[in-house]
PDB file of N, CA and C in Angstrom:
ATOM      1  N   MET A   1      16.469  14.220  -5.909  1.00  0.00           N
ATOM      2  CA  MET A   1      15.222  13.692  -6.462  1.00  0.00           C
ATOM      3  C   MET A   1      15.244  12.175  -6.347  1.00  0.00           C
ATOM      4  N   ASP A   2      14.207  11.622  -5.776  1.00  0.00           N
ATOM      5  CA  ASP A   2      14.095  10.174  -5.611  1.00  0.00           C
ATOM      6  C   ASP A   2      13.112   9.634  -6.638  1.00  0.00           C
ATOM      7  N   LEU A   3      13.629   9.096  -7.740  1.00  0.00           N
ATOM      8  CA  LEU A   3      12.774   8.600  -8.819  1.00  0.00           C
ATOM      9  C   LEU A   3      11.963   7.390  -8.398  1.00  0.00           C
ATOM     10  N   ASN A   4      12.399   6.686  -7.363  1.00  0.00           N
ATOM     11  CA  ASN A   4      11.666   5.508  -6.923  1.00  0.00           C
ATOM     12  C   ASN A   4      10.376   5.851  -6.189  1.00  0.00           C
ATOM     13  N   SER A   5      10.278   7.047  -5.620  1.00  0.00           N
ATOM     14  CA  SER A   5       9.102   7.382  -4.832  1.00  0.00           C
ATOM     15  C   SER A   5       8.256   8.490  -5.439  1.00  0.00           C
ATOM     16  N   ASP A   6       8.663   9.057  -6.564  1.00  0.00           N
ATOM     17  CA  ASP A   6       7.931  10.172  -7.152  1.00  0.00           C
ATOM     18  C   ASP A   6       7.635   9.878  -8.625  1.00  0.00           C
ATOM     19  N   ILE A   7       6.411   9.461  -8.904  1.00  0.00           N
ATOM     20  CA  ILE A   7       6.030   9.080 -10.266  1.00  0.00           C
ATOM     21  C   ILE A   7       6.139  10.273 -11.223  1.00  0.00           C
ATOM     22  N   HIS A   8       5.861  11.488 -10.712  1.00  0.00           N
ATOM     23  CA  HIS A   8       5.948  12.673 -11.565  1.00  0.00           C
ATOM     24  C   HIS A   8       7.407  12.959 -11.956  1.00  0.00           C
ATOM     25  N   ALA A   9       8.328  12.812 -11.010  1.00  0.00           N
ATOM     26  CA  ALA A   9       9.743  13.016 -11.301  1.00  0.00           C
ATOM     27  C   ALA A   9      10.254  11.956 -12.271  1.00  0.00           C
ATOM     28  N   THR A  10       9.794  10.730 -12.094  1.00  0.00           N
ATOM     29  CA  THR A  10      10.204   9.657 -12.996  1.00  0.00           C
ATOM     30  C   THR A  10       9.705   9.920 -14.412  1.00  0.00           C
ATOM     31  N   GLN A  11       8.455  10.379 -14.540  1.00  0.00           N
ATOM     32  CA  GLN A  11       7.920  10.713 -15.859  1.00  0.00           C
ATOM     33  C   GLN A  11       8.765  11.809 -16.508  1.00  0.00           C
ATOM     34  N   THR A  12       9.077  12.854 -15.769  1.00  0.00           N
ATOM     35  CA  THR A  12       9.886  13.956 -16.300  1.00  0.00           C
ATOM     36  C   THR A  12      11.258  13.453 -16.743  1.00  0.00           C
ATOM     37  N   HIS A  13      11.870  12.608 -15.929  1.00  0.00           N
ATOM     38  CA  HIS A  13      13.183  12.035 -16.248  1.00  0.00           C
ATOM     39  C   HIS A  13      13.120  11.218 -17.540  1.00  0.00           C
ATOM     40  N   LEU A  14      12.098  10.376 -17.668  1.00  0.00           N
ATOM     41  CA  LEU A  14      11.981   9.543 -18.863  1.00  0.00           C
ATOM     42  C   LEU A  14      11.638  10.371 -20.110  1.00  0.00           C
ATOM     43  N   GLU A  15      10.797  11.381 -19.956  1.00  0.00           N
ATOM     44  CA  GLU A  15      10.482  12.257 -21.092  1.00  0.00           C
ATOM     45  C   GLU A  15      11.733  12.963 -21.599  1.00  0.00           C
ATOM     46  N   ALA A  16      12.621  13.353 -20.693  1.00  0.00           N
ATOM     47  CA  ALA A  16      13.877  13.989 -21.086  1.00  0.00           C
ATOM     48  C   ALA A  16      14.760  13.037 -21.884  1.00  0.00           C
ATOM     49  N   ARG A  17      14.514  11.736 -21.726  1.00  0.00           N
ATOM     50  CA  ARG A  17      15.279  10.727 -22.458  1.00  0.00           C
ATOM     51  C   ARG A  17      14.538  10.238 -23.700  1.00  0.00           C
ATOM     52  N   GLY A  18      13.393  10.904 -24.033  1.00  0.00           N
ATOM     53  CA  GLY A  18      12.695  10.599 -25.273  1.00  0.00           C
ATOM     54  C   GLY A  18      11.450   9.746 -25.160  1.00  0.00           C
ATOM     55  N   VAL A  19      11.082   9.331 -23.950  1.00  0.00           N
ATOM     56  CA  VAL A  19       9.877   8.515 -23.787  1.00  0.00           C
ATOM     57  C   VAL A  19       8.654   9.414 -23.945  1.00  0.00           C
ATOM     58  N   VAL A  20       7.680   8.955 -24.732  1.00  0.00           N
ATOM     59  CA  VAL A  20       6.443   9.707 -24.948  1.00  0.00           C
ATOM     60  C   VAL A  20       5.329   9.016 -24.158  1.00  0.00           C
ATOM     61  N   PHE A  21       4.752   9.751 -23.226  1.00  0.00           N
ATOM     62  CA  PHE A  21       3.687   9.196 -22.397  1.00  0.00           C
ATOM     63  C   PHE A  21       2.330   9.367 -23.068  1.00  0.00           C
ATOM     64  N   ILE A  22       1.470   8.377 -22.872  1.00  0.00           N
ATOM     65  CA  ILE A  22       0.106   8.400 -23.406  1.00  0.00           C
ATOM     66  C   ILE A  22      -0.759   9.310 -22.541  1.00  0.00           C
ATOM     67  N   ASN A  23      -0.465   9.350 -21.233  1.00  0.00           N
ATOM     68  CA  ASN A  23      -1.220  10.204 -20.323  1.00  0.00           C
ATOM     69  C   ASN A  23      -0.344  10.600 -19.149  1.00  0.00           C
ATOM     70  N   ALA A  24      -0.817  11.565 -18.397  1.00  0.00           N
ATOM     71  CA  ALA A  24      -0.103  12.022 -17.206  1.00  0.00           C
ATOM     72  C   ALA A  24      -0.356  11.042 -16.060  1.00  0.00           C
ATOM     73  N   PRO A  25       0.513  11.038 -15.055  1.00  0.00           N
ATOM     74  CA  PRO A  25       0.242  10.215 -13.884  1.00  0.00           C
ATOM     75  C   PRO A  25      -1.121  10.570 -13.287  1.00  0.00           C
ATOM     76  N   HIS A  26      -1.860   9.543 -12.922  1.00  0.00           N
ATOM     77  CA  HIS A  26      -3.185   9.767 -12.354  1.00  0.00           C
ATOM     78  C   HIS A  26      -3.478   8.675 -11.328  1.00  0.00           C
ATOM     79  N   MET A  27      -4.295   9.030 -10.324  1.00  0.00           N
ATOM     80  CA  MET A  27      -4.648   8.076  -9.292  1.00  0.00           C
ATOM     81  C   MET A  27      -5.658   7.082  -9.849  1.00  0.00           C
ATOM     82  N   ILE A  28      -5.400   5.798  -9.622  1.00  0.00           N
ATOM     83  CA  ILE A  28      -6.314   4.767 -10.108  1.00  0.00           C
ATOM     84  C   ILE A  28      -7.079   4.094  -8.978  1.00  0.00           C
ATOM     85  N   HIS A  29      -6.571   4.238  -7.736  1.00  0.00           N
ATOM     86  CA  HIS A  29      -7.238   3.575  -6.612  1.00  0.00           C
ATOM     87  C   HIS A  29      -6.786   4.217  -5.303  1.00  0.00           C
ATOM     88  N   LYS A  30      -7.697   4.302  -4.348  1.00  0.00           N
ATOM     89  CA  LYS A  30      -7.353   4.755  -2.995  1.00  0.00           C
ATOM     90  C   LYS A  30      -7.792   3.681  -2.017  1.00  0.00           C
ATOM     91  N   HIS A  31      -6.828   3.143  -1.273  1.00  0.00           N
ATOM     92  CA  HIS A  31      -7.097   2.089  -0.292  1.00  0.00           C
ATOM     93  C   HIS A  31      -7.759   2.677   0.946  1.00  0.00           C
ATOM     94  N   ASP A  32      -8.403   1.799   1.716  1.00  0.00           N
ATOM     95  CA  ASP A  32      -9.065   2.219   2.950  1.00  0.00           C
ATOM     96  C   ASP A  32      -8.093   2.877   3.934  1.00  0.00           C
ATOM     97  N   ASN A  33      -6.816   2.495   3.876  1.00  0.00           N
ATOM     98  CA  ASN A  33      -5.821   3.061   4.794  1.00  0.00           C
ATOM     99  C   ASN A  33      -5.241   4.385   4.280  1.00  0.00           C
ATOM    100  N   GLY A  34      -5.759   4.899   3.160  1.00  0.00           N
ATOM    101  CA  GLY A  34      -5.334   6.186   2.621  1.00  0.00           C
ATOM    102  C   GLY A  34      -4.261   6.117   1.560  1.00  0.00           C
ATOM    103  N   ILE A  35      -3.605   4.965   1.404  1.00  0.00           N
ATOM    104  CA  ILE A  35      -2.566   4.842   0.379  1.00  0.00           C
ATOM    105  C   ILE A  35      -3.208   4.914  -1.002  1.00  0.00           C
ATOM    106  N   GLU A  36      -2.598   5.718  -1.877  1.00  0.00           N
ATOM    107  CA  GLU A  36      -3.098   5.899  -3.241  1.00  0.00           C
ATOM    108  C   GLU A  36      -2.205   5.135  -4.222  1.00  0.00           C
ATOM    109  N   GLU A  37      -2.811   4.578  -5.249  1.00  0.00           N
ATOM    110  CA  GLU A  37      -2.049   3.954  -6.332  1.00  0.00           C
ATOM    111  C   GLU A  37      -2.182   4.849  -7.556  1.00  0.00           C
ATOM    112  N   TRP A  38      -1.031   5.179  -8.146  1.00  0.00           N
ATOM    113  CA  TRP A  38      -0.965   6.070  -9.302  1.00  0.00           C
ATOM    114  C   TRP A  38      -0.326   5.318 -10.473  1.00  0.00           C
ATOM    115  N   MET A  39      -0.760   5.652 -11.711  1.00  0.00           N
ATOM    116  CA  MET A  39      -0.172   5.055 -12.906  1.00  0.00           C
ATOM    117  C   MET A  39      -0.016   6.101 -14.001  1.00  0.00           C
ATOM    118  N   ALA A  40       0.930   5.841 -14.891  1.00  0.00           N
ATOM    119  CA  ALA A  40       1.131   6.641 -16.103  1.00  0.00           C
ATOM    120  C   ALA A  40       1.566   5.666 -17.198  1.00  0.00           C
ATOM    121  N   PHE A  41       0.937   5.750 -18.357  1.00  0.00           N
ATOM    122  CA  PHE A  41       1.178   4.789 -19.436  1.00  0.00           C
ATOM    123  C   PHE A  41       1.998   5.392 -20.565  1.00  0.00           C
ATOM    124  N   PHE A  42       2.814   4.529 -21.187  1.00  0.00           N
ATOM    125  CA  PHE A  42       3.618   4.896 -22.346  1.00  0.00           C
ATOM    126  C   PHE A  42       3.822   3.639 -23.175  1.00  0.00           C
ATOM    127  N   ASN A  43       4.316   3.789 -24.378  1.00  0.00           N
ATOM    128  CA  ASN A  43       4.623   2.646 -25.238  1.00  0.00           C
ATOM    129  C   ASN A  43       6.131   2.462 -25.316  1.00  0.00           C
ATOM    130  N   ASP A  44       6.569   1.205 -25.378  1.00  0.00           N
ATOM    131  CA  ASP A  44       8.001   0.970 -25.563  1.00  0.00           C
ATOM    132  C   ASP A  44       8.370   1.228 -27.014  1.00  0.00           C
ATOM    133  N   ASN A  45       9.632   1.007 -27.355  1.00  0.00           N
ATOM    134  CA  ASN A  45      10.092   1.329 -28.712  1.00  0.00           C
ATOM    135  C   ASN A  45       9.511   0.418 -29.788  1.00  0.00           C
ATOM    136  N   GLU A  46       8.771  -0.623 -29.398  1.00  0.00           N
ATOM    137  CA  GLU A  46       8.103  -1.485 -30.364  1.00  0.00           C
ATOM    138  C   GLU A  46       6.583  -1.326 -30.298  1.00  0.00           C
ATOM    139  N   GLY A  47       6.117  -0.298 -29.577  1.00  0.00           N
ATOM    140  CA  GLY A  47       4.697   0.007 -29.536  1.00  0.00           C
ATOM    141  C   GLY A  47       3.900  -0.751 -28.492  1.00  0.00           C
ATOM    142  N   ARG A  48       4.574  -1.527 -27.640  1.00  0.00           N
ATOM    143  CA  ARG A  48       3.858  -2.262 -26.593  1.00  0.00           C
ATOM    144  C   ARG A  48       3.581  -1.347 -25.414  1.00  0.00           C
ATOM    145  N   PRO A  49       2.372  -1.431 -24.843  1.00  0.00           N
ATOM    146  CA  PRO A  49       2.046  -0.557 -23.713  1.00  0.00           C
ATOM    147  C   PRO A  49       2.764  -0.983 -22.436  1.00  0.00           C
ATOM    148  N   LEU A  50       3.290   0.002 -21.735  1.00  0.00           N
ATOM    149  CA  LEU A  50       3.936  -0.192 -20.437  1.00  0.00           C
ATOM    150  C   LEU A  50       3.404   0.880 -19.489  1.00  0.00           C
ATOM    151  N   ALA A  51       3.661   0.726 -18.210  1.00  0.00           N
ATOM    152  CA  ALA A  51       3.172   1.716 -17.249  1.00  0.00           C
ATOM    153  C   ALA A  51       4.157   1.887 -16.100  1.00  0.00           C
ATOM    154  N   LEU A  52       4.156   3.089 -15.556  1.00  0.00           N
ATOM    155  CA  LEU A  52       4.783   3.347 -14.270  1.00  0.00           C
ATOM    156  C   LEU A  52       3.689   3.183 -13.230  1.00  0.00           C
ATOM    157  N   MET A  53       4.053   2.704 -12.062  1.00  0.00           N
ATOM    158  CA  MET A  53       3.077   2.565 -10.977  1.00  0.00           C
ATOM    159  C   MET A  53       3.755   3.000  -9.697  1.00  0.00           C
ATOM    160  N   ALA A  54       3.008   3.718  -8.856  1.00  0.00           N
ATOM    161  CA  ALA A  54       3.534   4.152  -7.564  1.00  0.00           C
ATOM    162  C   ALA A  54       2.450   4.055  -6.512  1.00  0.00           C
ATOM    163  N   GLN A  55       2.849   3.667  -5.313  1.00  0.00           N
ATOM    164  CA  GLN A  55       1.951   3.733  -4.166  1.00  0.00           C
ATOM    165  C   GLN A  55       2.392   4.924  -3.340  1.00  0.00           C
ATOM    166  N   VAL A  56       1.436   5.800  -3.040  1.00  0.00           N
ATOM    167  CA  VAL A  56       1.744   7.063  -2.386  1.00  0.00           C
ATOM    168  C   VAL A  56       0.940   7.188  -1.104  1.00  0.00           C
ATOM    169  N   THR A  57       1.623   7.542  -0.036  1.00  0.00           N
ATOM    170  CA  THR A  57       0.943   7.881   1.212  1.00  0.00           C
ATOM    171  C   THR A  57       0.819   9.386   1.247  1.00  0.00           C
ATOM    172  N   PRO A  58      -0.392   9.912   1.122  1.00  0.00           N
ATOM    173  CA  PRO A  58      -0.573  11.364   1.106  1.00  0.00           C
ATOM    174  C   PRO A  58      -0.105  12.002   2.408  1.00  0.00           C
ATOM    175  N   THR A  59       0.469  13.182   2.306  1.00  0.00           N
ATOM    176  CA  THR A  59       0.866  13.927   3.500  1.00  0.00           C
ATOM    177  C   THR A  59      -0.331  14.718   3.997  1.00  0.00           C
ATOM    178  N   PRO A  60      -0.488  14.788   5.298  1.00  0.00           N
ATOM    179  CA  PRO A  60      -1.670  15.499   5.853  1.00  0.00           C
ATOM    180  C   PRO A  60      -1.623  16.985   5.593  1.00  0.00           C
TER     181      PRO A  60
END
């Protein structure tokens, strides 16, 4: 499993370590060249919002 390239795997890994996500990974933008940007938000241990972000090239 490559946590650097799979936002869903990273979310699962962090949830197993106790991180509570505000929402599931979701696409926020699609570039003209087809690359998608995905984000998932969570709060740190002091309540500050943080996010995971991934750029994904969809497979045909």
